[in-house]
PDB file of all heavy atoms in Angstrom:
ATOM      1  N   LEU A   1       7.173  12.646  -0.310  1.00  0.00           N
ATOM      2  CA  LEU A   1       5.769  13.020  -0.190  1.00  0.00           C
ATOM      3  C   LEU A   1       4.926  12.554  -1.369  1.00  0.00           C
ATOM      4  O   LEU A   1       3.727  12.415  -1.252  1.00  0.00           O
ATOM      5  CB  LEU A   1       5.649  14.550  -0.071  1.00  0.00           C
ATOM      6  CG  LEU A   1       6.350  15.168   1.129  1.00  0.00           C
ATOM      7  CD1 LEU A   1       6.287  16.679   1.035  1.00  0.00           C
ATOM      8  CD2 LEU A   1       5.744  14.684   2.419  1.00  0.00           C
ATOM      9  N   GLY A   2       5.532  12.344  -2.511  1.00  0.00           N
ATOM     10  CA  GLY A   2       4.784  12.050  -3.729  1.00  0.00           C
ATOM     11  C   GLY A   2       3.809  10.900  -3.604  1.00  0.00           C
ATOM     12  O   GLY A   2       2.607  11.073  -3.727  1.00  0.00           O
ATOM     13  N   PHE A   3       4.316   9.716  -3.345  1.00  0.00           N
ATOM     14  CA  PHE A   3       3.443   8.554  -3.298  1.00  0.00           C
ATOM     15  C   PHE A   3       2.431   8.645  -2.167  1.00  0.00           C
ATOM     16  O   PHE A   3       1.275   8.278  -2.324  1.00  0.00           O
ATOM     17  CB  PHE A   3       4.256   7.262  -3.163  1.00  0.00           C
ATOM     18  CG  PHE A   3       3.357   6.075  -3.013  1.00  0.00           C
ATOM     19  CD1 PHE A   3       2.662   5.583  -4.093  1.00  0.00           C
ATOM     20  CD2 PHE A   3       3.168   5.482  -1.781  1.00  0.00           C
ATOM     21  CE1 PHE A   3       1.795   4.503  -3.952  1.00  0.00           C
ATOM     22  CE2 PHE A   3       2.313   4.408  -1.631  1.00  0.00           C
ATOM     23  CZ  PHE A   3       1.628   3.918  -2.720  1.00  0.00           C
ATOM     24  N   LYS A   4       2.850   9.144  -1.037  1.00  0.00           N
ATOM     25  CA  LYS A   4       1.972   9.189   0.135  1.00  0.00           C
ATOM     26  C   LYS A   4       0.743  10.057  -0.088  1.00  0.00           C
ATOM     27  O   LYS A   4      -0.269   9.909   0.587  1.00  0.00           O
ATOM     28  CB  LYS A   4       2.758   9.638   1.357  1.00  0.00           C
ATOM     29  CG  LYS A   4       3.776   8.576   1.763  1.00  0.00           C
ATOM     30  CD  LYS A   4       5.009   9.219   2.348  1.00  0.00           C
ATOM     31  CE  LYS A   4       6.063   8.193   2.632  1.00  0.00           C
ATOM     32  NZ  LYS A   4       7.161   8.190   1.718  1.00  0.00           N
ATOM     33  N   SER A   5       0.806  10.941  -1.072  1.00  0.00           N
ATOM     34  CA  SER A   5      -0.340  11.815  -1.346  1.00  0.00           C
ATOM     35  C   SER A   5      -1.556  11.034  -1.847  1.00  0.00           C
ATOM     36  O   SER A   5      -2.672  11.544  -1.793  1.00  0.00           O
ATOM     37  CB  SER A   5       0.042  12.905  -2.347  1.00  0.00           C
ATOM     38  OG  SER A   5       0.347  12.339  -3.605  1.00  0.00           O
ATOM     39  N   VAL A   6      -1.383   9.788  -2.311  1.00  0.00           N
ATOM     40  CA  VAL A   6      -2.528   9.010  -2.790  1.00  0.00           C
ATOM     41  C   VAL A   6      -3.532   8.731  -1.680  1.00  0.00           C
ATOM     42  O   VAL A   6      -4.714   8.492  -1.953  1.00  0.00           O
ATOM     43  CB  VAL A   6      -2.123   7.685  -3.473  1.00  0.00           C
ATOM     44  CG1 VAL A   6      -1.190   7.944  -4.636  1.00  0.00           C
ATOM     45  CG2 VAL A   6      -1.538   6.701  -2.495  1.00  0.00           C
ATOM     46  N   PHE A   7      -3.089   8.807  -0.429  1.00  0.00           N
ATOM     47  CA  PHE A   7      -4.008   8.528   0.669  1.00  0.00           C
ATOM     48  C   PHE A   7      -4.995   9.669   0.919  1.00  0.00           C
ATOM     49  O   PHE A   7      -5.845   9.573   1.788  1.00  0.00           O
ATOM     50  CB  PHE A   7      -3.234   8.122   1.923  1.00  0.00           C
ATOM     51  CG  PHE A   7      -2.519   6.820   1.717  1.00  0.00           C
ATOM     52  CD1 PHE A   7      -1.141   6.782   1.614  1.00  0.00           C
ATOM     53  CD2 PHE A   7      -3.223   5.643   1.540  1.00  0.00           C
ATOM     54  CE1 PHE A   7      -0.478   5.587   1.376  1.00  0.00           C
ATOM     55  CE2 PHE A   7      -2.575   4.441   1.295  1.00  0.00           C
ATOM     56  CZ  PHE A   7      -1.199   4.411   1.213  1.00  0.00           C
ATOM     57  N   HIS A   8      -4.917  10.711   0.099  1.00  0.00           N
ATOM     58  CA  HIS A   8      -5.967  11.727   0.096  1.00  0.00           C
ATOM     59  C   HIS A   8      -7.219  11.182  -0.588  1.00  0.00           C
ATOM     60  O   HIS A   8      -8.333  11.603  -0.275  1.00  0.00           O
ATOM     61  CB  HIS A   8      -5.511  12.998  -0.638  1.00  0.00           C
ATOM     62  CG  HIS A   8      -4.500  13.788   0.110  1.00  0.00           C
ATOM     63  ND1 HIS A   8      -4.808  14.518   1.237  1.00  0.00           N
ATOM     64  CD2 HIS A   8      -3.181  13.958  -0.094  1.00  0.00           C
ATOM     65  CE1 HIS A   8      -3.724  15.104   1.688  1.00  0.00           C
ATOM     66  NE2 HIS A   8      -2.711  14.774   0.898  1.00  0.00           N
ATOM     67  N   ILE A   9      -7.039  10.232  -1.523  1.00  0.00           N
ATOM     68  CA  ILE A   9      -8.177   9.729  -2.299  1.00  0.00           C
ATOM     69  C   ILE A   9      -8.529   8.274  -2.024  1.00  0.00           C
ATOM     70  O   ILE A   9      -9.607   7.820  -2.404  1.00  0.00           O
ATOM     71  CB  ILE A   9      -7.954   9.908  -3.813  1.00  0.00           C
ATOM     72  CG1 ILE A   9      -6.777   9.068  -4.298  1.00  0.00           C
ATOM     73  CG2 ILE A   9      -7.785  11.370  -4.178  1.00  0.00           C
ATOM     74  CD1 ILE A   9      -6.701   8.896  -5.798  1.00  0.00           C
ATOM     75  N   THR A  10      -7.627   7.521  -1.404  1.00  0.00           N
ATOM     76  CA  THR A  10      -7.856   6.088  -1.205  1.00  0.00           C
ATOM     77  C   THR A  10      -7.393   5.645   0.179  1.00  0.00           C
ATOM     78  O   THR A  10      -6.580   6.322   0.810  1.00  0.00           O
ATOM     79  CB  THR A  10      -7.118   5.256  -2.285  1.00  0.00           C
ATOM     80  OG1 THR A  10      -7.548   3.892  -2.202  1.00  0.00           O
ATOM     81  CG2 THR A  10      -5.613   5.330  -2.142  1.00  0.00           C
ATOM     82  N   ASP A  11      -7.910   4.523   0.611  1.00  0.00           N
ATOM     83  CA  ASP A  11      -7.486   3.922   1.876  1.00  0.00           C
ATOM     84  C   ASP A  11      -6.675   2.654   1.652  1.00  0.00           C
ATOM     85  O   ASP A  11      -6.064   2.139   2.584  1.00  0.00           O
ATOM     86  CB  ASP A  11      -8.709   3.551   2.727  1.00  0.00           C
ATOM     87  CG  ASP A  11      -9.503   4.751   3.159  1.00  0.00           C
ATOM     88  OD1 ASP A  11      -8.936   5.850   3.275  1.00  0.00           O
ATOM     89  OD2 ASP A  11     -10.723   4.596   3.384  1.00  0.00           O
ATOM     90  N   ALA A  12      -6.699   2.125   0.443  1.00  0.00           N
ATOM     91  CA  ALA A  12      -6.062   0.841   0.158  1.00  0.00           C
ATOM     92  C   ALA A  12      -5.408   0.900  -1.215  1.00  0.00           C
ATOM     93  O   ALA A  12      -6.043   1.293  -2.185  1.00  0.00           O
ATOM     94  CB  ALA A  12      -7.098  -0.273   0.196  1.00  0.00           C
ATOM     95  N   VAL A  13      -4.157   0.496  -1.288  1.00  0.00           N
ATOM     96  CA  VAL A  13      -3.381   0.571  -2.521  1.00  0.00           C
ATOM     97  C   VAL A  13      -2.928  -0.826  -2.928  1.00  0.00           C
ATOM     98  O   VAL A  13      -2.509  -1.614  -2.084  1.00  0.00           O
ATOM     99  CB  VAL A  13      -2.130   1.463  -2.308  1.00  0.00           C
ATOM    100  CG1 VAL A  13      -1.189   1.387  -3.492  1.00  0.00           C
ATOM    101  CG2 VAL A  13      -2.537   2.894  -2.028  1.00  0.00           C
ATOM    102  N   THR A  14      -3.014  -1.095  -4.223  1.00  0.00           N
ATOM    103  CA  THR A  14      -2.428  -2.305  -4.788  1.00  0.00           C
ATOM    104  C   THR A  14      -1.378  -1.873  -5.797  1.00  0.00           C
ATOM    105  O   THR A  14      -1.638  -1.014  -6.630  1.00  0.00           O
ATOM    106  CB  THR A  14      -3.488  -3.166  -5.505  1.00  0.00           C
ATOM    107  OG1 THR A  14      -4.524  -3.492  -4.586  1.00  0.00           O
ATOM    108  CG2 THR A  14      -2.881  -4.446  -6.066  1.00  0.00           C
ATOM    109  N   ILE A  15      -0.188  -2.481  -5.714  1.00  0.00           N
ATOM    110  CA  ILE A  15       0.880  -2.225  -6.672  1.00  0.00           C
ATOM    111  C   ILE A  15       1.333  -3.568  -7.224  1.00  0.00           C
ATOM    112  O   ILE A  15       1.628  -4.492  -6.462  1.00  0.00           O
ATOM    113  CB  ILE A  15       2.077  -1.504  -6.022  1.00  0.00           C
ATOM    114  CG1 ILE A  15       1.630  -0.185  -5.387  1.00  0.00           C
ATOM    115  CG2 ILE A  15       3.189  -1.276  -7.053  1.00  0.00           C
ATOM    116  CD1 ILE A  15       2.700   0.482  -4.538  1.00  0.00           C
ATOM    117  N   ILE A  16       1.383  -3.657  -8.537  1.00  0.00           N
ATOM    118  CA  ILE A  16       1.878  -4.856  -9.209  1.00  0.00           C
ATOM    119  C   ILE A  16       3.079  -4.432 -10.041  1.00  0.00           C
ATOM    120  O   ILE A  16       2.981  -3.503 -10.849  1.00  0.00           O
ATOM    121  CB  ILE A  16       0.807  -5.479 -10.119  1.00  0.00           C
ATOM    122  CG1 ILE A  16      -0.449  -5.810  -9.310  1.00  0.00           C
ATOM    123  CG2 ILE A  16       1.351  -6.715 -10.834  1.00  0.00           C
ATOM    124  CD1 ILE A  16      -1.644  -6.201 -10.149  1.00  0.00           C
ATOM    125  N   SER A  17       4.211  -5.089  -9.822  1.00  0.00           N
ATOM    126  CA  SER A  17       5.416  -4.758 -10.581  1.00  0.00           C
ATOM    127  C   SER A  17       6.355  -5.958 -10.579  1.00  0.00           C
ATOM    128  O   SER A  17       6.584  -6.566  -9.529  1.00  0.00           O
ATOM    129  CB  SER A  17       6.116  -3.547  -9.966  1.00  0.00           C
ATOM    130  OG  SER A  17       7.211  -3.134 -10.772  1.00  0.00           O
ATOM    131  N   GLY A  18       6.872  -6.287 -11.758  1.00  0.00           N
ATOM    132  CA  GLY A  18       7.776  -7.433 -11.853  1.00  0.00           C
ATOM    133  C   GLY A  18       7.092  -8.704 -11.404  1.00  0.00           C
ATOM    134  O   GLY A  18       6.090  -9.102 -11.970  1.00  0.00           O
ATOM    135  N   ASP A  19       7.607  -9.308 -10.342  1.00  0.00           N
ATOM    136  CA  ASP A  19       7.045 -10.575  -9.868  1.00  0.00           C
ATOM    137  C   ASP A  19       6.312 -10.443  -8.544  1.00  0.00           C
ATOM    138  O   ASP A  19       6.020 -11.439  -7.896  1.00  0.00           O
ATOM    139  CB  ASP A  19       8.151 -11.632  -9.748  1.00  0.00           C
ATOM    140  CG  ASP A  19       9.227 -11.260  -8.729  1.00  0.00           C
ATOM    141  OD1 ASP A  19       9.213 -10.129  -8.204  1.00  0.00           O
ATOM    142  OD2 ASP A  19      10.091 -12.120  -8.464  1.00  0.00           O
ATOM    143  N   LYS A  20       5.995  -9.191  -8.142  1.00  0.00           N
ATOM    144  CA  LYS A  20       5.373  -8.979  -6.830  1.00  0.00           C
ATOM    145  C   LYS A  20       4.078  -8.181  -6.914  1.00  0.00           C
ATOM    146  O   LYS A  20       3.874  -7.387  -7.814  1.00  0.00           O
ATOM    147  CB  LYS A  20       6.331  -8.226  -5.907  1.00  0.00           C
ATOM    148  CG  LYS A  20       7.586  -8.991  -5.536  1.00  0.00           C
ATOM    149  CD  LYS A  20       8.480  -8.138  -4.644  1.00  0.00           C
ATOM    150  CE  LYS A  20       9.731  -8.855  -4.235  1.00  0.00           C
ATOM    151  NZ  LYS A  20      10.608  -9.215  -5.312  1.00  0.00           N
ATOM    152  N   VAL A  21       3.241  -8.399  -5.891  1.00  0.00           N
ATOM    153  CA  VAL A  21       2.014  -7.626  -5.687  1.00  0.00           C
ATOM    154  C   VAL A  21       2.051  -7.134  -4.245  1.00  0.00           C
ATOM    155  O   VAL A  21       2.267  -7.923  -3.318  1.00  0.00           O
ATOM    156  CB  VAL A  21       0.749  -8.490  -5.902  1.00  0.00           C
ATOM    157  CG1 VAL A  21      -0.512  -7.660  -5.689  1.00  0.00           C
ATOM    158  CG2 VAL A  21       0.758  -9.146  -7.276  1.00  0.00           C
ATOM    159  N   LEU A  22       1.839  -5.845  -4.071  1.00  0.00           N
ATOM    160  CA  LEU A  22       1.818  -5.246  -2.733  1.00  0.00           C
ATOM    161  C   LEU A  22       0.412  -4.743  -2.440  1.00  0.00           C
ATOM    162  O   LEU A  22      -0.177  -4.036  -3.255  1.00  0.00           O
ATOM    163  CB  LEU A  22       2.803  -4.076  -2.651  1.00  0.00           C
ATOM    164  CG  LEU A  22       2.720  -3.197  -1.399  1.00  0.00           C
ATOM    165  CD1 LEU A  22       3.174  -3.957  -0.158  1.00  0.00           C
ATOM    166  CD2 LEU A  22       3.551  -1.932  -1.575  1.00  0.00           C
ATOM    167  N   PHE A  23      -0.095  -5.116  -1.277  1.00  0.00           N
ATOM    168  CA  PHE A  23      -1.352  -4.583  -0.766  1.00  0.00           C
ATOM    169  C   PHE A  23      -0.989  -3.708   0.428  1.00  0.00           C
ATOM    170  O   PHE A  23      -0.374  -4.185   1.379  1.00  0.00           O
ATOM    171  CB  PHE A  23      -2.296  -5.708  -0.334  1.00  0.00           C
ATOM    172  CG  PHE A  23      -2.705  -6.622  -1.463  1.00  0.00           C
ATOM    173  CD1 PHE A  23      -2.156  -7.889  -1.583  1.00  0.00           C
ATOM    174  CD2 PHE A  23      -3.635  -6.208  -2.397  1.00  0.00           C
ATOM    175  CE1 PHE A  23      -2.528  -8.735  -2.615  1.00  0.00           C
ATOM    176  CE2 PHE A  23      -4.019  -7.044  -3.444  1.00  0.00           C
ATOM    177  CZ  PHE A  23      -3.464  -8.300  -3.543  1.00  0.00           C
ATOM    178  N   MET A  24      -1.360  -2.432   0.372  1.00  0.00           N
ATOM    179  CA  MET A  24      -0.966  -1.483   1.415  1.00  0.00           C
ATOM    180  C   MET A  24      -2.189  -0.782   1.992  1.00  0.00           C
ATOM    181  O   MET A  24      -2.990  -0.208   1.260  1.00  0.00           O
ATOM    182  CB  MET A  24      -0.020  -0.438   0.824  1.00  0.00           C
ATOM    183  CG  MET A  24       0.434   0.609   1.814  1.00  0.00           C
ATOM    184  SD  MET A  24       1.408   1.926   1.026  1.00  0.00           S
ATOM    185  CE  MET A  24       2.922   1.055   0.676  1.00  0.00           C
ATOM    186  N   ASP A  25      -2.300  -0.841   3.321  1.00  0.00           N
ATOM    187  CA  ASP A  25      -3.379  -0.166   4.047  1.00  0.00           C
ATOM    188  C   ASP A  25      -2.772   0.525   5.266  1.00  0.00           C
ATOM    189  O   ASP A  25      -2.455  -0.128   6.259  1.00  0.00           O
ATOM    190  CB  ASP A  25      -4.434  -1.175   4.484  1.00  0.00           C
ATOM    191  CG  ASP A  25      -5.570  -0.546   5.279  1.00  0.00           C
ATOM    192  OD1 ASP A  25      -5.499   0.662   5.608  1.00  0.00           O
ATOM    193  OD2 ASP A  25      -6.532  -1.269   5.588  1.00  0.00           O
ATOM    194  N   PRO A  26      -2.594   1.851   5.215  1.00  0.00           N
ATOM    195  CA  PRO A  26      -1.939   2.556   6.317  1.00  0.00           C
ATOM    196  C   PRO A  26      -2.744   2.594   7.607  1.00  0.00           C
ATOM    197  O   PRO A  26      -2.216   2.980   8.647  1.00  0.00           O
ATOM    198  CB  PRO A  26      -1.723   3.963   5.761  1.00  0.00           C
ATOM    199  CG  PRO A  26      -2.743   4.110   4.712  1.00  0.00           C
ATOM    200  CD  PRO A  26      -2.968   2.743   4.135  1.00  0.00           C
ATOM    201  N   SER A  27      -3.993   2.164   7.574  1.00  0.00           N
ATOM    202  CA  SER A  27      -4.781   2.129   8.809  1.00  0.00           C
ATOM    203  C   SER A  27      -4.508   0.858   9.621  1.00  0.00           C
ATOM    204  O   SER A  27      -4.926   0.748  10.764  1.00  0.00           O
ATOM    205  CB  SER A  27      -6.273   2.244   8.509  1.00  0.00           C
ATOM    206  OG  SER A  27      -6.751   1.082   7.863  1.00  0.00           O
ATOM    207  N   GLU A  28      -3.796  -0.084   9.021  1.00  0.00           N
ATOM    208  CA  GLU A  28      -3.438  -1.331   9.706  1.00  0.00           C
ATOM    209  C   GLU A  28      -2.222  -1.100  10.610  1.00  0.00           C
ATOM    210  O   GLU A  28      -1.442  -0.174  10.379  1.00  0.00           O
ATOM    211  CB  GLU A  28      -3.084  -2.410   8.678  1.00  0.00           C
ATOM    212  CG  GLU A  28      -4.249  -2.886   7.858  1.00  0.00           C
ATOM    213  CD  GLU A  28      -5.151  -3.839   8.603  1.00  0.00           C
ATOM    214  OE1 GLU A  28      -4.681  -4.514   9.543  1.00  0.00           O
ATOM    215  OE2 GLU A  28      -6.333  -3.930   8.240  1.00  0.00           O
ATOM    216  N   PRO A  29      -2.027  -1.972  11.620  1.00  0.00           N
ATOM    217  CA  PRO A  29      -0.798  -1.897  12.419  1.00  0.00           C
ATOM    218  C   PRO A  29       0.424  -2.043  11.514  1.00  0.00           C
ATOM    219  O   PRO A  29       0.340  -2.674  10.453  1.00  0.00           O
ATOM    220  CB  PRO A  29      -0.910  -3.098  13.364  1.00  0.00           C
ATOM    221  CG  PRO A  29      -2.341  -3.476  13.355  1.00  0.00           C
ATOM    222  CD  PRO A  29      -2.909  -3.050  12.031  1.00  0.00           C
ATOM    223  N   GLU A  30       1.552  -1.478  11.923  1.00  0.00           N
ATOM    224  CA  GLU A  30       2.735  -1.438  11.061  1.00  0.00           C
ATOM    225  C   GLU A  30       3.153  -2.806  10.528  1.00  0.00           C
ATOM    226  O   GLU A  30       3.554  -2.927   9.380  1.00  0.00           O
ATOM    227  CB  GLU A  30       3.901  -0.789  11.807  1.00  0.00           C
ATOM    228  CG  GLU A  30       5.053  -0.457  10.898  1.00  0.00           C
ATOM    229  CD  GLU A  30       6.110   0.399  11.559  1.00  0.00           C
ATOM    230  OE1 GLU A  30       5.848   0.973  12.634  1.00  0.00           O
ATOM    231  OE2 GLU A  30       7.202   0.486  11.000  1.00  0.00           O
ATOM    232  N   ASN A  31       3.008  -3.849  11.335  1.00  0.00           N
ATOM    233  CA  ASN A  31       3.425  -5.182  10.876  1.00  0.00           C
ATOM    234  C   ASN A  31       2.465  -5.798   9.857  1.00  0.00           C
ATOM    235  O   ASN A  31       2.762  -6.824   9.262  1.00  0.00           O
ATOM    236  CB  ASN A  31       3.624  -6.129  12.058  1.00  0.00           C
ATOM    237  CG  ASN A  31       2.337  -6.393  12.817  1.00  0.00           C
ATOM    238  OD1 ASN A  31       1.399  -5.592  12.801  1.00  0.00           O
ATOM    239  ND2 ASN A  31       2.289  -7.518  13.502  1.00  0.00           N
ATOM    240  N   LYS A  32       1.296  -5.178   9.646  1.00  0.00           N
ATOM    241  CA  LYS A  32       0.329  -5.680   8.667  1.00  0.00           C
ATOM    242  C   LYS A  32      -0.002  -4.662   7.580  1.00  0.00           C
ATOM    243  O   LYS A  32      -0.785  -4.939   6.688  1.00  0.00           O
ATOM    244  CB  LYS A  32      -0.971  -6.079   9.369  1.00  0.00           C
ATOM    245  CG  LYS A  32      -0.819  -7.250  10.299  1.00  0.00           C
ATOM    246  CD  LYS A  32      -2.140  -7.600  10.918  1.00  0.00           C
ATOM    247  CE  LYS A  32      -1.996  -8.781  11.857  1.00  0.00           C
ATOM    248  NZ  LYS A  32      -3.265  -9.147  12.464  1.00  0.00           N
ATOM    249  N   MET A  33       0.594  -3.474   7.681  1.00  0.00           N
ATOM    250  CA  MET A  33       0.286  -2.376   6.767  1.00  0.00           C
ATOM    251  C   MET A  33       0.600  -2.727   5.315  1.00  0.00           C
ATOM    252  O   MET A  33      -0.128  -2.357   4.408  1.00  0.00           O
ATOM    253  CB  MET A  33       1.092  -1.148   7.196  1.00  0.00           C
ATOM    254  CG  MET A  33       0.787   0.091   6.434  1.00  0.00           C
ATOM    255  SD  MET A  33       1.838   1.472   6.945  1.00  0.00           S
ATOM    256  CE  MET A  33       1.718   1.447   8.713  1.00  0.00           C
ATOM    257  N   CYS A  34       1.690  -3.434   5.083  1.00  0.00           N
ATOM    258  CA  CYS A  34       2.136  -3.799   3.745  1.00  0.00           C
ATOM    259  C   CYS A  34       2.280  -5.307   3.647  1.00  0.00           C
ATOM    260  O   CYS A  34       3.042  -5.912   4.399  1.00  0.00           O
ATOM    261  CB  CYS A  34       3.477  -3.144   3.439  1.00  0.00           C
ATOM    262  SG  CYS A  34       3.430  -1.359   3.420  1.00  0.00           S
ATOM    263  N   ARG A  35       1.545  -5.886   2.713  1.00  0.00           N
ATOM    264  CA  ARG A  35       1.618  -7.332   2.510  1.00  0.00           C
ATOM    265  C   ARG A  35       2.001  -7.591   1.062  1.00  0.00           C
ATOM    266  O   ARG A  35       1.332  -7.105   0.148  1.00  0.00           O
ATOM    267  CB  ARG A  35       0.286  -7.985   2.821  1.00  0.00           C
ATOM    268  CG  ARG A  35      -0.098  -7.797   4.281  1.00  0.00           C
ATOM    269  CD  ARG A  35      -1.437  -8.354   4.574  1.00  0.00           C
ATOM    270  NE  ARG A  35      -1.786  -8.040   5.956  1.00  0.00           N
ATOM    271  CZ  ARG A  35      -2.885  -8.434   6.526  1.00  0.00           C
ATOM    272  NH1 ARG A  35      -3.750  -9.152   5.864  1.00  0.00           N
ATOM    273  NH2 ARG A  35      -3.129  -8.114   7.774  1.00  0.00           N
ATOM    274  N   ILE A  36       3.056  -8.353   0.880  1.00  0.00           N
ATOM    275  CA  ILE A  36       3.533  -8.662  -0.469  1.00  0.00           C
ATOM    276  C   ILE A  36       3.294 -10.140  -0.755  1.00  0.00           C
ATOM    277  O   ILE A  36       3.560 -10.990   0.089  1.00  0.00           O
ATOM    278  CB  ILE A  36       5.033  -8.331  -0.622  1.00  0.00           C
ATOM    279  CG1 ILE A  36       5.232  -6.814  -0.583  1.00  0.00           C
ATOM    280  CG2 ILE A  36       5.591  -8.899  -1.920  1.00  0.00           C
ATOM    281  CD1 ILE A  36       6.660  -6.360  -0.814  1.00  0.00           C
ATOM    282  N   VAL A  37       2.783 -10.417  -1.954  1.00  0.00           N
ATOM    283  CA  VAL A  37       2.654 -11.796  -2.440  1.00  0.00           C
ATOM    284  C   VAL A  37       3.313 -11.859  -3.812  1.00  0.00           C
ATOM    285  O   VAL A  37       3.435 -10.842  -4.499  1.00  0.00           O
ATOM    286  CB  VAL A  37       1.177 -12.257  -2.530  1.00  0.00           C
ATOM    287  CG1 VAL A  37       0.522 -12.266  -1.173  1.00  0.00           C
ATOM    288  CG2 VAL A  37       0.387 -11.420  -3.505  1.00  0.00           C
TER     289      VAL A  37
END
């Protein structure tokens, strides 16, 4: 439950760690909800 609680305040999340960047939007269809570059 911890991380998912951020969707109380935001609709779009960016995470940068190591060599990856994740763009997450839970309002998108499941196959597009998480995009990593």
